[in-house]
């Protein structure tokens, strides 16, 4: 694990912290692959129910640190494509196979590739000082870290195109208004409130939480008949497990459920 990426687990919640505050947490290739490694560990650890991604200091992530990215100066198309596929897109591609919930706690600026990291997460919450911008157009590029894929799915095509074409910053209030983030909290309350949200999700039956994430993702890319067929199959799996009857018993007995993840 890179030294500039913190990874902590407590009470079923894993917290990943980008830790280069002096660079507003601009990521390096090592950090991107460290995030992938951390997700692998979270997948393998049944005690982890929810993941939070945040940044140290006053920024979430200011994008990629080009100076640390080795062959970034090599403009040959095959080199550029390989670097983007191998490094820049490593985290969102891994998230596509990650079935546990992940929340981005955006504590400051989220710019370019940094905004892409937040967009790839399932839920985004923000501090009042958070600011967002997809700045690729300003440097004559297009978003390669997932922004062009995720942003229109979150805020709609027209709003996404405006944000991408103008490369303008929006504040936390505007992000909340367009549905880019779910909640905005005072700066000093962001992590406490994010942990509360994560804890509420972590208290739910893990298999149910993961199946819900799966069916929503599948439903976005399928026709209704196919989506309904997939959902019914997932429900059949959930009903055959131990957590479903435990959840019903806990509800009837007015107590907290004790879930095993199946």
Protein backbone atom coordinates (compact mmCIF):
# COMPACT_ATOMS: atom_id res chain seq x y z
CA UNK A 1 0.00 0.00 0.00
CA UNK A 2 1.48 3.42 -0.94
CA UNK A 3 2.46 5.65 1.98
CA UNK A 4 0.22 8.42 0.63
CA UNK A 5 -2.90 6.27 0.84
CA UNK A 6 -4.37 5.49 4.26
CA UNK A 7 -6.52 2.41 4.77
CA UNK A 8 -8.43 1.90 8.03
CA UNK A 9 -11.18 -0.52 9.06
CA UNK A 10 -13.46 -0.04 12.05
CA UNK A 11 -16.98 -1.27 12.86
CA UNK A 12 -17.50 -2.79 9.43
CA UNK A 13 -16.51 0.39 7.59
CA UNK A 14 -13.29 0.75 5.59
CA UNK A 15 -12.01 4.29 5.07
CA UNK A 16 -9.62 5.04 2.19
CA UNK A 17 -7.93 8.42 2.50
CA UNK A 18 -5.91 10.03 -0.28
CA UNK A 19 -3.02 11.46 1.73
CA UNK A 20 -1.06 14.07 -0.23
CA UNK A 21 -2.57 17.19 1.33
CA UNK A 22 0.31 19.39 0.17
CA UNK A 23 -0.73 18.54 -3.43
CA UNK A 24 -4.48 18.63 -2.73
CA UNK A 25 -4.25 14.83 -2.97
CA UNK A 26 -3.28 14.75 -6.64
CA UNK A 27 -2.95 11.06 -7.39
CA UNK A 28 0.02 9.11 -8.65
CA UNK A 29 -0.05 5.80 -10.49
CA UNK A 30 0.95 4.09 -7.25
CA UNK A 31 -2.03 5.64 -5.48
CA UNK A 32 -4.44 4.50 -8.20
CA UNK A 33 -3.18 0.95 -8.01
CA UNK A 34 -3.18 1.20 -4.21
CA UNK A 35 -6.89 1.98 -4.36
CA UNK A 36 -7.42 -1.14 -6.45
CA UNK A 37 -5.40 -3.19 -3.95
CA UNK A 38 -7.50 -1.78 -1.10
CA UNK A 39 -10.72 -2.73 -2.88
CA UNK A 40 -9.37 -6.26 -3.32
CA UNK A 41 -8.74 -6.44 0.42
CA UNK A 42 -12.21 -5.11 1.18
CA UNK A 43 -13.74 -7.69 -1.13
CA UNK A 44 -11.89 -10.49 0.64
CA UNK A 45 -12.78 -9.25 4.14
CA UNK A 46 -16.31 -10.23 5.13
CA UNK A 47 -16.13 -7.84 8.08
CA UNK A 48 -16.08 -4.88 5.68
CA UNK A 49 -19.64 -3.88 4.82
CA UNK A 50 -19.17 -0.33 3.44
CA UNK A 51 -16.23 1.70 2.08
CA UNK A 52 -15.65 5.47 2.34
CA UNK A 53 -13.27 7.33 0.03
CA UNK A 54 -12.08 10.78 1.13
CA UNK A 55 -9.08 13.11 1.06
CA UNK A 56 -6.72 14.47 3.69
CA UNK A 57 -6.56 18.19 4.40
CA UNK A 58 -8.59 20.73 2.47
CA UNK A 59 -8.98 18.86 -0.80
CA UNK A 60 -10.60 15.66 -2.00
CA UNK A 61 -8.45 15.20 -5.10
CA UNK A 62 -7.05 17.70 -7.60
CA UNK A 63 -6.63 15.10 -10.33
CA UNK A 64 -3.55 13.34 -11.61
CA UNK A 65 -0.02 14.44 -10.80
CA UNK A 66 1.34 14.34 -14.35
CA UNK A 67 4.91 14.83 -13.16
CA UNK A 68 4.87 11.44 -11.44
CA UNK A 69 3.29 9.47 -14.26
CA UNK A 70 6.39 8.23 -16.05
CA UNK A 71 5.50 8.01 -19.72
CA UNK A 72 2.91 10.83 -19.61
CA UNK A 73 5.15 12.95 -21.87
CA UNK A 74 5.13 10.24 -24.57
CA UNK A 75 2.31 11.27 -26.93
CA UNK A 76 2.38 8.22 -29.18
CA UNK A 77 -1.24 7.01 -29.39
CA UNK A 78 -0.56 3.42 -28.39
CA UNK A 79 1.42 4.56 -25.33
CA UNK A 80 -1.30 7.01 -24.27
CA UNK A 81 -4.06 4.44 -24.67
CA UNK A 82 -2.14 1.81 -22.73
CA UNK A 83 -1.37 4.25 -19.89
CA UNK A 84 -4.99 5.38 -19.60
CA UNK A 85 -6.32 1.82 -19.68
CA UNK A 86 -3.70 0.48 -17.26
CA UNK A 87 -3.49 3.34 -14.76
CA UNK A 88 -6.11 6.08 -15.05
CA UNK A 89 -9.03 3.70 -15.56
CA UNK A 90 -7.85 1.04 -13.09
CA UNK A 91 -10.01 2.29 -10.19
CA UNK A 92 -13.36 2.70 -12.00
CA UNK A 93 -12.89 -0.64 -13.77
CA UNK A 94 -12.26 -2.34 -10.43
CA UNK A 95 -15.29 -0.61 -8.93
CA UNK A 96 -17.42 -2.12 -11.69
CA UNK A 97 -16.69 -5.51 -10.09
CA UNK A 98 -16.93 -4.27 -6.49
CA UNK A 99 -20.23 -5.29 -4.93
CA UNK A 100 -20.02 -3.50 -1.59
CA UNK A 101 -21.24 0.11 -1.26
CA UNK A 102 -18.66 2.87 -1.59
CA UNK A 103 -19.31 6.47 -0.54
CA UNK A 104 -17.21 9.44 -1.65
CA UNK A 105 -16.90 12.00 1.15
CA UNK A 106 -15.83 15.04 -0.85
CA UNK A 107 -14.13 17.36 1.61
CA UNK A 108 -12.83 20.02 -0.80
CA UNK A 109 -11.90 20.44 -4.44
CA UNK A 110 -12.60 17.49 -6.75
CA UNK A 111 -11.11 18.35 -10.12
CA UNK A 112 -10.64 16.41 -13.36
CA UNK A 113 -9.51 12.91 -12.49
CA UNK A 114 -10.32 13.68 -8.86
CA UNK A 115 -13.93 14.38 -9.76
CA UNK A 116 -13.91 11.17 -11.80
CA UNK A 117 -12.94 9.22 -8.67
CA UNK A 118 -15.96 10.64 -6.85
CA UNK A 119 -18.28 9.97 -9.78
CA UNK A 120 -17.26 6.31 -9.84
CA UNK A 121 -18.50 5.83 -6.27
CA UNK A 122 -22.07 4.77 -5.50
CA UNK A 123 -22.95 7.80 -3.36
CA UNK A 124 -21.35 11.21 -3.00
CA UNK A 125 -21.67 13.50 0.01
CA UNK A 126 -19.90 16.82 0.30
CA UNK A 127 -18.70 19.44 2.74
CA UNK A 128 -19.93 23.00 2.29
CA UNK A 129 -16.51 23.97 0.94
CA UNK A 130 -16.45 21.25 -1.72
CA UNK A 131 -16.10 22.34 -5.35
CA UNK A 132 -16.34 20.23 -8.47
CA UNK A 133 -15.02 20.69 -12.01
CA UNK A 134 -14.37 18.51 -15.04
CA UNK A 135 -11.48 20.56 -16.43
CA UNK A 136 -10.37 18.36 -19.33
CA UNK A 137 -11.65 20.72 -22.02
CA UNK A 138 -9.38 23.48 -20.71
CA UNK A 139 -6.34 21.39 -21.59
CA UNK A 140 -7.73 20.10 -24.87
CA UNK A 141 -8.64 16.62 -23.67
CA UNK A 142 -11.70 14.53 -22.77
CA UNK A 143 -12.39 12.84 -19.41
CA UNK A 144 -10.57 9.51 -19.43
CA UNK A 145 -11.12 8.46 -15.83
CA UNK A 146 -14.84 7.78 -16.09
CA UNK A 147 -16.35 11.27 -16.13
CA UNK A 148 -17.85 10.95 -19.61
CA UNK A 149 -19.43 7.65 -18.59
CA UNK A 150 -20.67 8.37 -15.07
CA UNK A 151 -21.60 12.06 -15.17
CA UNK A 152 -24.51 11.80 -17.68
CA UNK A 153 -25.86 8.82 -15.76
CA UNK A 154 -25.88 10.87 -12.56
CA UNK A 155 -27.04 14.34 -13.66
CA UNK A 156 -28.41 13.70 -17.17
CA UNK A 157 -26.86 14.21 -20.58
CA UNK A 158 -27.53 17.94 -21.01
CA UNK A 159 -26.18 18.97 -17.60
CA UNK A 160 -23.20 16.67 -18.04
CA UNK A 161 -22.33 18.17 -21.40
CA UNK A 162 -22.53 21.69 -20.02
CA UNK A 163 -20.19 20.81 -17.14
CA UNK A 164 -17.79 19.02 -19.48
CA UNK A 165 -17.79 21.68 -22.21
CA UNK A 166 -17.47 24.73 -19.96
CA UNK A 167 -15.08 23.14 -17.43
CA UNK A 168 -16.60 25.50 -14.84
CA UNK A 169 -16.50 24.91 -11.10
CA UNK A 170 -19.73 24.32 -9.22
CA UNK A 171 -20.02 24.54 -5.45
CA UNK A 172 -21.57 22.03 -3.07
CA UNK A 173 -24.99 23.71 -3.11
CA UNK A 174 -25.15 23.54 -6.91
CA UNK A 175 -23.94 19.94 -6.84
CA UNK A 176 -26.77 19.07 -4.45
CA UNK A 177 -29.33 20.84 -6.63
CA UNK A 178 -28.45 18.82 -9.74
CA UNK A 179 -28.16 15.51 -7.90
CA UNK A 180 -24.40 15.20 -8.14
CA UNK A 181 -24.23 14.74 -4.36
CA UNK A 182 -26.82 13.33 -1.96
CA UNK A 183 -26.06 15.50 1.06
CA UNK A 184 -24.05 18.60 2.00
CA UNK A 185 -22.73 18.99 5.54
CA UNK A 186 -20.75 21.65 7.43
CA UNK A 187 -17.03 21.03 6.92
CA UNK A 188 -16.41 19.87 10.46
CA UNK A 189 -19.35 17.42 10.36
CA UNK A 190 -18.65 15.73 7.01
CA UNK A 191 -16.86 12.61 8.22
CA UNK A 192 -19.10 12.10 11.25
CA UNK A 193 -22.22 12.31 9.08
CA UNK A 194 -20.68 10.09 6.40
CA UNK A 195 -19.85 7.48 9.02
CA UNK A 196 -23.45 7.62 10.27
CA UNK A 197 -24.72 6.98 6.74
CA UNK A 198 -22.22 4.16 6.25
CA UNK A 199 -23.23 2.63 9.59
CA UNK A 200 -26.92 2.62 8.61
CA UNK A 201 -26.06 0.76 5.41
CA UNK A 202 -23.64 -1.58 7.20
CA UNK A 203 -26.41 -2.58 9.62
CA UNK A 204 -28.48 -4.00 6.77
CA UNK A 205 -28.19 -7.64 5.60
CA UNK A 206 -24.96 -7.65 3.53
CA UNK A 207 -26.24 -9.95 0.80
CA UNK A 208 -29.33 -7.79 0.32
CA UNK A 209 -27.20 -4.64 0.09
CA UNK A 210 -24.92 -6.22 -2.50
CA UNK A 211 -27.78 -7.65 -4.54
CA UNK A 212 -29.50 -4.25 -4.60
CA UNK A 213 -26.31 -2.66 -5.94
CA UNK A 214 -26.06 -5.38 -8.56
CA UNK A 215 -29.66 -5.21 -9.78
CA UNK A 216 -29.59 -1.41 -10.01
CA UNK A 217 -26.41 -1.54 -12.11
CA UNK A 218 -27.79 -4.32 -14.29
CA UNK A 219 -31.11 -2.54 -14.69
CA UNK A 220 -29.44 0.58 -16.05
CA UNK A 221 -28.04 -1.45 -18.93
CA UNK A 222 -30.90 -3.82 -19.68
CA UNK A 223 -34.44 -3.78 -21.01
CA UNK A 224 -37.24 -4.16 -18.45
CA UNK A 225 -37.92 -7.85 -19.14
CA UNK A 226 -34.27 -8.77 -18.74
CA UNK A 227 -33.94 -6.61 -15.63
CA UNK A 228 -37.00 -8.19 -14.01
CA UNK A 229 -35.69 -11.67 -14.79
CA UNK A 230 -32.34 -10.85 -13.17
CA UNK A 231 -34.04 -9.34 -10.12
CA UNK A 232 -36.25 -12.40 -9.58
CA UNK A 233 -33.16 -14.63 -9.73
CA UNK A 234 -31.38 -12.50 -7.14
CA UNK A 235 -34.42 -12.53 -4.86
CA UNK A 236 -34.51 -16.32 -5.08
CA UNK A 237 -30.89 -16.43 -3.92
CA UNK A 238 -31.60 -14.04 -1.03
CA UNK A 239 -34.65 -16.02 0.14
CA UNK A 240 -32.56 -19.20 0.32
CA UNK A 241 -30.02 -17.64 2.67
CA UNK A 242 -29.89 -17.19 6.44
CA UNK A 243 -30.20 -13.40 6.57
CA UNK A 244 -33.73 -13.23 5.13
CA UNK A 245 -35.43 -15.23 7.93
CA UNK A 246 -33.19 -13.52 10.51
CA UNK A 247 -34.31 -10.11 9.22
CA UNK A 248 -37.97 -11.12 9.50
CA UNK A 249 -37.44 -12.51 13.00
CA UNK A 250 -35.60 -9.37 14.11
CA UNK A 251 -38.43 -7.20 12.79
CA UNK A 252 -41.08 -9.23 14.61
CA UNK A 253 -39.07 -9.30 17.83
CA UNK A 254 -38.18 -5.58 17.59
CA UNK A 255 -34.44 -6.16 17.85
CA UNK A 256 -31.33 -5.62 15.76
CA UNK A 257 -30.64 -8.36 13.23
CA UNK A 258 -27.54 -10.55 13.42
CA UNK A 259 -26.54 -11.04 9.82
CA UNK A 260 -23.92 -13.40 8.42
CA UNK A 261 -23.92 -12.25 4.80
CA UNK A 262 -25.93 -15.12 3.31
